[in-house]
PDB file of N, CA and C in Angstrom:
ATOM      1  N   MET A   1     140.161 104.669  78.260  1.00  0.00           N
ATOM      2  CA  MET A   1     139.156 103.796  78.828  1.00  0.00           C
ATOM      3  C   MET A   1     138.576 102.941  77.706  1.00  0.00           C
ATOM      4  N   SER A   2     138.606 101.639  77.895  1.00  0.00           N
ATOM      5  CA  SER A   2     138.127 100.743  76.844  1.00  0.00           C
ATOM      6  C   SER A   2     136.607 100.575  76.909  1.00  0.00           C
ATOM      7  N   LYS A   3     136.044 100.317  75.753  1.00  0.00           N
ATOM      8  CA  LYS A   3     134.607 100.120  75.640  1.00  0.00           C
ATOM      9  C   LYS A   3     134.262  98.718  76.152  1.00  0.00           C
ATOM     10  N   PRO A   4     133.206  98.576  77.014  1.00  0.00           N
ATOM     11  CA  PRO A   4     132.850  97.245  77.508  1.00  0.00           C
ATOM     12  C   PRO A   4     132.375  96.353  76.370  1.00  0.00           C
ATOM     13  N   SER A   5     132.673  95.077  76.482  1.00  0.00           N
ATOM     14  CA  SER A   5     132.246  94.142  75.439  1.00  0.00           C
ATOM     15  C   SER A   5     130.748  93.884  75.558  1.00  0.00           C
ATOM     16  N   PRO A   6     130.086  93.585  74.444  1.00  0.00           N
ATOM     17  CA  PRO A   6     128.647  93.333  74.469  1.00  0.00           C
ATOM     18  C   PRO A   6     128.313  92.105  75.322  1.00  0.00           C
ATOM     19  N   LEU A   7     127.169  92.154  75.956  1.00  0.00           N
ATOM     20  CA  LEU A   7     126.716  91.028  76.767  1.00  0.00           C
ATOM     21  C   LEU A   7     126.224  89.892  75.881  1.00  0.00           C
ATOM     22  N   ASP A   8     126.406  88.705  76.355  1.00  0.00           N
ATOM     23  CA  ASP A   8     125.932  87.505  75.665  1.00  0.00           C
ATOM     24  C   ASP A   8     124.402  87.571  75.532  1.00  0.00           C
ATOM     25  N   PRO A   9     123.836  87.265  74.369  1.00  0.00           N
ATOM     26  CA  PRO A   9     122.384  87.297  74.179  1.00  0.00           C
ATOM     27  C   PRO A   9     121.623  86.428  75.183  1.00  0.00           C
ATOM     28  N   LYS A  10     122.204  85.308  75.608  1.00  0.00           N
ATOM     29  CA  LYS A  10     121.534  84.458  76.602  1.00  0.00           C
ATOM     30  C   LYS A  10     121.424  85.173  77.937  1.00  0.00           C
ATOM     31  N   ILE A  11     122.462  85.896  78.310  1.00  0.00           N
ATOM     32  CA  ILE A  11     122.436  86.667  79.557  1.00  0.00           C
ATOM     33  C   ILE A  11     121.394  87.771  79.462  1.00  0.00           C
ATOM     34  N   LEU A  12     121.350  88.453  78.322  1.00  0.00           N
ATOM     35  CA  LEU A  12     120.363  89.521  78.133  1.00  0.00           C
ATOM     36  C   LEU A  12     118.942  88.982  78.218  1.00  0.00           C
ATOM     37  N   LYS A  13     118.712  87.821  77.626  1.00  0.00           N
ATOM     38  CA  LYS A  13     117.376  87.213  77.669  1.00  0.00           C
ATOM     39  C   LYS A  13     116.990  86.869  79.105  1.00  0.00           C
ATOM     40  N   HIS A  14     117.925  86.298  79.868  1.00  0.00           N
ATOM     41  CA  HIS A  14     117.671  85.954  81.265  1.00  0.00           C
ATOM     42  C   HIS A  14     117.398  87.211  82.096  1.00  0.00           C
ATOM     43  N   CYS A  15     118.185  88.253  81.890  1.00  0.00           N
ATOM     44  CA  CYS A  15     117.998  89.507  82.621  1.00  0.00           C
ATOM     45  C   CYS A  15     116.656  90.152  82.296  1.00  0.00           C
ATOM     46  N   ALA A  16     116.273  90.129  81.030  1.00  0.00           N
ATOM     47  CA  ALA A  16     114.987  90.707  80.633  1.00  0.00           C
ATOM     48  C   ALA A  16     113.836  89.982  81.311  1.00  0.00           C
ATOM     49  N   ALA A  17     113.929  88.656  81.407  1.00  0.00           N
ATOM     50  CA  ALA A  17     112.877  87.886  82.084  1.00  0.00           C
ATOM     51  C   ALA A  17     112.820  88.245  83.567  1.00  0.00           C
ATOM     52  N   ALA A  18     113.965  88.390  84.203  1.00  0.00           N
ATOM     53  CA  ALA A  18     113.994  88.763  85.622  1.00  0.00           C
ATOM     54  C   ALA A  18     113.417  90.160  85.827  1.00  0.00           C
ATOM     55  N   LEU A  19     113.762  91.086  84.948  1.00  0.00           N
ATOM     56  CA  LEU A  19     113.233  92.446  85.059  1.00  0.00           C
ATOM     57  C   LEU A  19     111.722  92.485  84.832  1.00  0.00           C
ATOM     58  N   ARG A  20     111.221  91.676  83.891  1.00  0.00           N
ATOM     59  CA  ARG A  20     109.771  91.602  83.689  1.00  0.00           C
ATOM     60  C   ARG A  20     109.089  91.081  84.951  1.00  0.00           C
ATOM     61  N   THR A  21     109.710  90.100  85.587  1.00  0.00           N
ATOM     62  CA  THR A  21     109.142  89.545  86.812  1.00  0.00           C
ATOM     63  C   THR A  21     109.110  90.602  87.910  1.00  0.00           C
ATOM     64  N   LEU A  22     110.147  91.370  88.031  1.00  0.00           N
ATOM     65  CA  LEU A  22     110.209  92.408  89.064  1.00  0.00           C
ATOM     66  C   LEU A  22     109.387  93.650  88.718  1.00  0.00           C
ATOM     67  N   SER A  23     108.881  93.740  87.502  1.00  0.00           N
ATOM     68  CA  SER A  23     108.230  94.967  87.054  1.00  0.00           C
ATOM     69  C   SER A  23     106.862  95.221  87.672  1.00  0.00           C
ATOM     70  N   HIS A  24     106.347  94.314  88.470  1.00  0.00           N
ATOM     71  CA  HIS A  24     105.055  94.524  89.136  1.00  0.00           C
ATOM     72  C   HIS A  24     105.289  95.181  90.493  1.00  0.00           C
ATOM     73  N   PRO A  25     104.527  96.237  90.813  1.00  0.00           N
ATOM     74  CA  PRO A  25     104.732  96.933  92.090  1.00  0.00           C
ATOM     75  C   PRO A  25     104.644  96.016  93.315  1.00  0.00           C
ATOM     76  N   ASP A  26     103.706  95.072  93.320  1.00  0.00           N
ATOM     77  CA  ASP A  26     103.587  94.177  94.477  1.00  0.00           C
ATOM     78  C   ASP A  26     104.803  93.264  94.612  1.00  0.00           C
ATOM     79  N   ARG A  27     105.379  92.841  93.505  1.00  0.00           N
ATOM     80  CA  ARG A  27     106.571  91.999  93.581  1.00  0.00           C
ATOM     81  C   ARG A  27     107.774  92.800  94.069  1.00  0.00           C
ATOM     82  N   LEU A  28     107.874  94.050  93.653  1.00  0.00           N
ATOM     83  CA  LEU A  28     108.932  94.913  94.192  1.00  0.00           C
ATOM     84  C   LEU A  28     108.731  95.128  95.691  1.00  0.00           C
ATOM     85  N   ARG A  29     107.503  95.289  96.116  1.00  0.00           N
ATOM     86  CA  ARG A  29     107.223  95.467  97.546  1.00  0.00           C
ATOM     87  C   ARG A  29     107.574  94.202  98.335  1.00  0.00           C
ATOM     88  N   ILE A  30     107.356  93.031  97.743  1.00  0.00           N
ATOM     89  CA  ILE A  30     107.731  91.774  98.406  1.00  0.00           C
ATOM     90  C   ILE A  30     109.242  91.726  98.590  1.00  0.00           C
ATOM     91  N   VAL A  31     109.984  92.031  97.548  1.00  0.00           N
ATOM     92  CA  VAL A  31     111.448  92.019  97.653  1.00  0.00           C
ATOM     93  C   VAL A  31     111.897  93.040  98.694  1.00  0.00           C
ATOM     94  N   GLU A  32     111.267  94.202  98.707  1.00  0.00           N
ATOM     95  CA  GLU A  32     111.601  95.229  99.689  1.00  0.00           C
ATOM     96  C   GLU A  32     111.327  94.734 101.118  1.00  0.00           C
ATOM     97  N   ALA A  33     110.212  94.039 101.307  1.00  0.00           N
ATOM     98  CA  ALA A  33     109.884  93.507 102.635  1.00  0.00           C
ATOM     99  C   ALA A  33     110.889  92.439 103.061  1.00  0.00           C
ATOM    100  N   LEU A  34     111.358  91.648 102.102  1.00  0.00           N
ATOM    101  CA  LEU A  34     112.304  90.567 102.407  1.00  0.00           C
ATOM    102  C   LEU A  34     113.738  91.066 102.556  1.00  0.00           C
ATOM    103  N   GLU A  35     113.949  92.309 102.217  1.00  0.00           N
ATOM    104  CA  GLU A  35     115.290  92.897 102.288  1.00  0.00           C
ATOM    105  C   GLU A  35     115.873  92.807 103.705  1.00  0.00           C
ATOM    106  N   LYS A  36     115.026  92.920 104.715  1.00  0.00           N
ATOM    107  CA  LYS A  36     115.500  92.913 106.104  1.00  0.00           C
ATOM    108  C   LYS A  36     115.578  91.517 106.704  1.00  0.00           C
ATOM    109  N   GLY A  37     115.070  90.516 105.969  1.00  0.00           N
ATOM    110  CA  GLY A  37     115.138  89.156 106.473  1.00  0.00           C
ATOM    111  C   GLY A  37     113.935  88.334 106.047  1.00  0.00           C
ATOM    112  N   PRO A  38     114.003  87.020 106.285  1.00  0.00           N
ATOM    113  CA  PRO A  38     112.945  86.110 105.840  1.00  0.00           C
ATOM    114  C   PRO A  38     111.594  86.383 106.511  1.00  0.00           C
ATOM    115  N   LEU A  39     110.533  86.159 105.732  1.00  0.00           N
ATOM    116  CA  LEU A  39     109.154  86.308 106.207  1.00  0.00           C
ATOM    117  C   LEU A  39     108.312  85.186 105.628  1.00  0.00           C
ATOM    118  N   ASP A  40     107.249  84.821 106.339  1.00  0.00           N
ATOM    119  CA  ASP A  40     106.316  83.843 105.789  1.00  0.00           C
ATOM    120  C   ASP A  40     105.177  84.578 105.078  1.00  0.00           C
ATOM    121  N   VAL A  41     104.311  83.820 104.441  1.00  0.00           N
ATOM    122  CA  VAL A  41     103.237  84.415 103.632  1.00  0.00           C
ATOM    123  C   VAL A  41     102.316  85.292 104.475  1.00  0.00           C
ATOM    124  N   SER A  42     101.979  84.850 105.678  1.00  0.00           N
ATOM    125  CA  SER A  42     101.067  85.658 106.504  1.00  0.00           C
ATOM    126  C   SER A  42     101.718  86.980 106.902  1.00  0.00           C
ATOM    127  N   GLU A  43     103.014  86.981 107.175  1.00  0.00           N
ATOM    128  CA  GLU A  43     103.709  88.228 107.502  1.00  0.00           C
ATOM    129  C   GLU A  43     103.743  89.153 106.285  1.00  0.00           C
ATOM    130  N   LEU A  44     104.002  88.578 105.116  1.00  0.00           N
ATOM    131  CA  LEU A  44     104.006  89.386 103.893  1.00  0.00           C
ATOM    132  C   LEU A  44     102.620  89.941 103.593  1.00  0.00           C
ATOM    133  N   THR A  45     101.600  89.109 103.789  1.00  0.00           N
ATOM    134  CA  THR A  45     100.222  89.542 103.558  1.00  0.00           C
ATOM    135  C   THR A  45      99.876  90.736 104.437  1.00  0.00           C
ATOM    136  N   SER A  46     100.279  90.689 105.694  1.00  0.00           N
ATOM    137  CA  SER A  46     100.021  91.806 106.616  1.00  0.00           C
ATOM    138  C   SER A  46     100.777  93.059 106.205  1.00  0.00           C
ATOM    139  N   ARG A  47     102.035  92.908 105.873  1.00  0.00           N
ATOM    140  CA  ARG A  47     102.851  94.075 105.519  1.00  0.00           C
ATOM    141  C   ARG A  47     102.396  94.728 104.234  1.00  0.00           C
ATOM    142  N   LEU A  48     102.016  93.910 103.262  1.00  0.00           N
ATOM    143  CA  LEU A  48     101.614  94.453 101.968  1.00  0.00           C
ATOM    144  C   LEU A  48     100.140  94.832 101.910  1.00  0.00           C
ATOM    145  N   ARG A  49      99.378  94.333 102.890  1.00  0.00           N
ATOM    146  CA  ARG A  49      97.918  94.552 102.897  1.00  0.00           C
ATOM    147  C   ARG A  49      97.295  94.099 101.582  1.00  0.00           C
ATOM    148  N   ARG A  50      97.703  92.901 101.175  1.00  0.00           N
ATOM    149  CA  ARG A  50      97.194  92.277  99.955  1.00  0.00           C
ATOM    150  C   ARG A  50      96.644  90.918 100.327  1.00  0.00           C
ATOM    151  N   PRO A  51      95.703  90.375  99.535  1.00  0.00           N
ATOM    152  CA  PRO A  51      95.155  89.045  99.822  1.00  0.00           C
ATOM    153  C   PRO A  51      96.237  87.967  99.759  1.00  0.00           C
ATOM    154  N   GLN A  52      96.090  86.962 100.598  1.00  0.00           N
ATOM    155  CA  GLN A  52      97.060  85.871 100.673  1.00  0.00           C
ATOM    156  C   GLN A  52      97.246  85.198  99.318  1.00  0.00           C
ATOM    157  N   ALA A  53      96.171  85.013  98.577  1.00  0.00           N
ATOM    158  CA  ALA A  53      96.264  84.361  97.265  1.00  0.00           C
ATOM    159  C   ALA A  53      97.127  85.185  96.307  1.00  0.00           C
ATOM    160  N   ALA A  54      96.977  86.490  96.336  1.00  0.00           N
ATOM    161  CA  ALA A  54      97.773  87.356  95.454  1.00  0.00           C
ATOM    162  C   ALA A  54      99.249  87.307  95.838  1.00  0.00           C
ATOM    163  N   VAL A  55      99.536  87.369  97.137  1.00  0.00           N
ATOM    164  CA  VAL A  55     100.924  87.313  97.599  1.00  0.00           C
ATOM    165  C   VAL A  55     101.550  85.975  97.206  1.00  0.00           C
ATOM    166  N   SER A  56     100.809  84.897  97.380  1.00  0.00           N
ATOM    167  CA  SER A  56     101.318  83.570  97.025  1.00  0.00           C
ATOM    168  C   SER A  56     101.629  83.473  95.535  1.00  0.00           C
ATOM    169  N   GLN A  57     100.775  84.033  94.694  1.00  0.00           N
ATOM    170  CA  GLN A  57     101.023  84.006  93.247  1.00  0.00           C
ATOM    171  C   GLN A  57     102.268  84.805  92.884  1.00  0.00           C
ATOM    172  N   HIS A  58     102.433  85.972  93.501  1.00  0.00           N
ATOM    173  CA  HIS A  58     103.625  86.772  93.239  1.00  0.00           C
ATOM    174  C   HIS A  58     104.879  86.028  93.697  1.00  0.00           C
ATOM    175  N   LEU A  59     104.815  85.394  94.855  1.00  0.00           N
ATOM    176  CA  LEU A  59     105.956  84.622  95.353  1.00  0.00           C
ATOM    177  C   LEU A  59     106.296  83.479  94.404  1.00  0.00           C
ATOM    178  N   MET A  60     105.273  82.847  93.854  1.00  0.00           N
ATOM    179  CA  MET A  60     105.491  81.750  92.916  1.00  0.00           C
ATOM    180  C   MET A  60     106.272  82.239  91.689  1.00  0.00           C
ATOM    181  N   ARG A  61     105.911  83.396  91.171  1.00  0.00           N
ATOM    182  CA  ARG A  61     106.624  83.945  90.007  1.00  0.00           C
ATOM    183  C   ARG A  61     108.052  84.325  90.361  1.00  0.00           C
ATOM    184  N   LEU A  62     108.228  84.937  91.535  1.00  0.00           N
ATOM    185  CA  LEU A  62     109.575  85.315  91.965  1.00  0.00           C
ATOM    186  C   LEU A  62     110.454  84.088  92.178  1.00  0.00           C
ATOM    187  N   ARG A  63     109.880  83.036  92.738  1.00  0.00           N
ATOM    188  CA  ARG A  63     110.627  81.784  92.945  1.00  0.00           C
ATOM    189  C   ARG A  63     110.977  81.124  91.615  1.00  0.00           C
ATOM    190  N   ALA A  64     110.040  81.146  90.678  1.00  0.00           N
ATOM    191  CA  ALA A  64     110.265  80.507  89.371  1.00  0.00           C
ATOM    192  C   ALA A  64     111.461  81.124  88.648  1.00  0.00           C
ATOM    193  N   HIS A  65     111.724  82.384  88.894  1.00  0.00           N
ATOM    194  CA  HIS A  65     112.856  83.056  88.251  1.00  0.00           C
ATOM    195  C   HIS A  65     114.090  83.108  89.154  1.00  0.00           C
ATOM    196  N   GLY A  66     114.027  82.426  90.297  1.00  0.00           N
ATOM    197  CA  GLY A  66     115.186  82.355  91.177  1.00  0.00           C
ATOM    198  C   GLY A  66     115.502  83.632  91.925  1.00  0.00           C
ATOM    199  N   LEU A  67     114.516  84.522  92.025  1.00  0.00           N
ATOM    200  CA  LEU A  67     114.747  85.794  92.699  1.00  0.00           C
ATOM    201  C   LEU A  67     114.516  85.706  94.198  1.00  0.00           C
ATOM    202  N   VAL A  68     113.591  84.850  94.619  1.00  0.00           N
ATOM    203  CA  VAL A  68     113.400  84.554  96.034  1.00  0.00           C
ATOM    204  C   VAL A  68     113.433  83.039  96.212  1.00  0.00           C
ATOM    205  N   ALA A  69     113.674  82.623  97.435  1.00  0.00           N
ATOM    206  CA  ALA A  69     113.700  81.202  97.769  1.00  0.00           C
ATOM    207  C   ALA A  69     112.927  81.008  99.062  1.00  0.00           C
ATOM    208  N   ALA A  70     112.516  79.770  99.307  1.00  0.00           N
ATOM    209  CA  ALA A  70     111.767  79.449 100.525  1.00  0.00           C
ATOM    210  C   ALA A  70     112.525  78.398 101.314  1.00  0.00           C
ATOM    211  N   ASP A  71     112.546  78.598 102.614  1.00  0.00           N
ATOM    212  CA  ASP A  71     113.116  77.627 103.536  1.00  0.00           C
ATOM    213  C   ASP A  71     111.984  77.155 104.442  1.00  0.00           C
ATOM    214  N   ARG A  72     111.850  75.856 104.589  1.00  0.00           N
ATOM    215  CA  ARG A  72     110.784  75.289 105.420  1.00  0.00           C
ATOM    216  C   ARG A  72     111.204  75.261 106.878  1.00  0.00           C
ATOM    217  N   GLU A  73     110.285  75.694 107.716  1.00  0.00           N
ATOM    218  CA  GLU A  73     110.428  75.584 109.165  1.00  0.00           C
ATOM    219  C   GLU A  73     109.171  74.871 109.635  1.00  0.00           C
ATOM    220  N   GLY A  74     109.227  73.547 109.635  1.00  0.00           N
ATOM    221  CA  GLY A  74     108.024  72.769 109.927  1.00  0.00           C
ATOM    222  C   GLY A  74     107.061  72.894 108.775  1.00  0.00           C
ATOM    223  N   ARG A  75     105.857  73.350 109.072  1.00  0.00           N
ATOM    224  CA  ARG A  75     104.837  73.509 108.033  1.00  0.00           C
ATOM    225  C   ARG A  75     104.843  74.886 107.390  1.00  0.00           C
ATOM    226  N   VAL A  76     105.708  75.750 107.869  1.00  0.00           N
ATOM    227  CA  VAL A  76     105.729  77.135 107.391  1.00  0.00           C
ATOM    228  C   VAL A  76     106.932  77.358 106.474  1.00  0.00           C
ATOM    229  N   ALA A  77     106.676  77.996 105.338  1.00  0.00           N
ATOM    230  CA  ALA A  77     107.753  78.384 104.415  1.00  0.00           C
ATOM    231  C   ALA A  77     108.098  79.839 104.689  1.00  0.00           C
ATOM    232  N   ARG A  78     109.369  80.096 104.907  1.00  0.00           N
ATOM    233  CA  ARG A  78     109.843  81.461 105.111  1.00  0.00           C
ATOM    234  C   ARG A  78     110.630  81.858 103.857  1.00  0.00           C
ATOM    235  N   TYR A  79     110.235  82.976 103.288  1.00  0.00           N
ATOM    236  CA  TYR A  79     110.808  83.437 102.029  1.00  0.00           C
ATOM    237  C   TYR A  79     111.941  84.422 102.285  1.00  0.00           C
ATOM    238  N   ARG A  80     112.924  84.374 101.382  1.00  0.00           N
ATOM    239  CA  ARG A  80     114.083  85.260 101.477  1.00  0.00           C
ATOM    240  C   ARG A  80     114.519  85.648 100.067  1.00  0.00           C
ATOM    241  N   VAL A  81     115.249  86.742  99.974  1.00  0.00           N
ATOM    242  CA  VAL A  81     115.821  87.151  98.691  1.00  0.00           C
ATOM    243  C   VAL A  81     116.909  86.148  98.334  1.00  0.00           C
ATOM    244  N   ALA A  82     116.831  85.594  97.145  1.00  0.00           N
ATOM    245  CA  ALA A  82     117.797  84.583  96.707  1.00  0.00           C
ATOM    246  C   ALA A  82     118.823  85.144  95.730  1.00  0.00           C
ATOM    247  N   HIS A  83     118.536  86.283  95.160  1.00  0.00           N
ATOM    248  CA  HIS A  83     119.442  86.868  94.166  1.00  0.00           C
ATOM    249  C   HIS A  83     119.743  88.306  94.586  1.00  0.00           C
ATOM    250  N   ALA A  84     120.988  88.562  94.915  1.00  0.00           N
ATOM    251  CA  ALA A  84     121.391  89.885  95.397  1.00  0.00           C
ATOM    252  C   ALA A  84     121.112  90.991  94.386  1.00  0.00           C
ATOM    253  N   GLY A  85     120.993  90.630  93.123  1.00  0.00           N
ATOM    254  CA  GLY A  85     120.679  91.626  92.101  1.00  0.00           C
ATOM    255  C   GLY A  85     119.361  92.334  92.364  1.00  0.00           C
ATOM    256  N   CYS A  86     118.430  91.640  93.005  1.00  0.00           N
ATOM    257  CA  CYS A  86     117.143  92.266  93.356  1.00  0.00           C
ATOM    258  C   CYS A  86     117.362  93.466  94.266  1.00  0.00           C
ATOM    259  N   LEU A  87     118.283  93.322  95.211  1.00  0.00           N
ATOM    260  CA  LEU A  87     118.553  94.406  96.151  1.00  0.00           C
ATOM    261  C   LEU A  87     119.289  95.545  95.454  1.00  0.00           C
ATOM    262  N   THR A  88     120.117  95.214  94.482  1.00  0.00           N
ATOM    263  CA  THR A  88     120.788  96.242  93.691  1.00  0.00           C
ATOM    264  C   THR A  88     119.763  97.044  92.901  1.00  0.00           C
ATOM    265  N   ILE A  89     118.785  96.346  92.337  1.00  0.00           N
ATOM    266  CA  ILE A  89     117.722  97.023  91.577  1.00  0.00           C
ATOM    267  C   ILE A  89     116.922  97.942  92.494  1.00  0.00           C
ATOM    268  N   LEU A  90     116.600  97.476  93.717  1.00  0.00           N
ATOM    269  CA  LEU A  90     115.905  98.343  94.679  1.00  0.00           C
ATOM    270  C   LEU A  90     116.740  99.580  94.980  1.00  0.00           C
ATOM    271  N   GLY A  91     118.040  99.394  95.130  1.00  0.00           N
ATOM    272  CA  GLY A  91     118.925 100.533  95.375  1.00  0.00           C
ATOM    273  C   GLY A  91     118.898 101.528  94.226  1.00  0.00           C
ATOM    274  N   CYS A  92     118.880 101.023  93.001  1.00  0.00           N
ATOM    275  CA  CYS A  92     118.790 101.900  91.821  1.00  0.00           C
ATOM    276  C   CYS A  92     117.470 102.660  91.805  1.00  0.00           C
ATOM    277  N   ILE A  93     116.386 101.967  92.129  1.00  0.00           N
ATOM    278  CA  ILE A  93     115.071 102.622  92.180  1.00  0.00           C
ATOM    279  C   ILE A  93     115.073 103.730  93.218  1.00  0.00           C
ATOM    280  N   ARG A  94     115.626 103.414  94.390  1.00  0.00           N
ATOM    281  CA  ARG A  94     115.668 104.432  95.453  1.00  0.00           C
ATOM    282  C   ARG A  94     116.503 105.645  95.040  1.00  0.00           C
ATOM    283  N   SER A  95     117.651 105.398  94.440  1.00  0.00           N
ATOM    284  CA  SER A  95     118.534 106.526  94.124  1.00  0.00           C
ATOM    285  C   SER A  95     118.086 107.319  92.905  1.00  0.00           C
ATOM    286  N   HIS A  96     117.354 106.691  91.991  1.00  0.00           N
ATOM    287  CA  HIS A  96     116.978 107.399  90.765  1.00  0.00           C
ATOM    288  C   HIS A  96     115.525 107.859  90.703  1.00  0.00           C
ATOM    289  N   PHE A  97     114.636 107.193  91.442  1.00  0.00           N
ATOM    290  CA  PHE A  97     113.210 107.505  91.290  1.00  0.00           C
ATOM    291  C   PHE A  97     112.528 107.947  92.573  1.00  0.00           C
ATOM    292  N   ALA A  98     113.132 107.695  93.717  1.00  0.00           N
ATOM    293  CA  ALA A  98     112.463 108.000  95.000  1.00  0.00           C
ATOM    294  C   ALA A  98     113.014 109.286  95.600  1.00  0.00           C
ATOM    295  N   LYS A  99     113.131 110.301  94.786  1.00  0.00           N
ATOM    296  CA  LYS A  99     113.674 111.585  95.262  1.00  0.00           C
ATOM    297  C   LYS A  99     112.581 112.520  95.633  1.00  0.00           C
TER     298      LYS A  99
END
């Protein structure tokens, strides 16, 4: 079995930034809520039981790193997971820490 080659430093830097973004419990909960499909801010606010301003700020950070995306439906933005790696990370958390 051959040893895997080292990852490119640029990739490592990008991954570290994404992991830092996901490292907040509320942001992980947002990704978990979006796992089943798109939601708007008011739906996320209800599910997370967090203030709308806090949810919006977390969404802004997740969007800035390309982890979630928003699709407009009239005046309402519906958020969805944009990077499948987020769901892989949730799976790792479930299998390693939620026992």
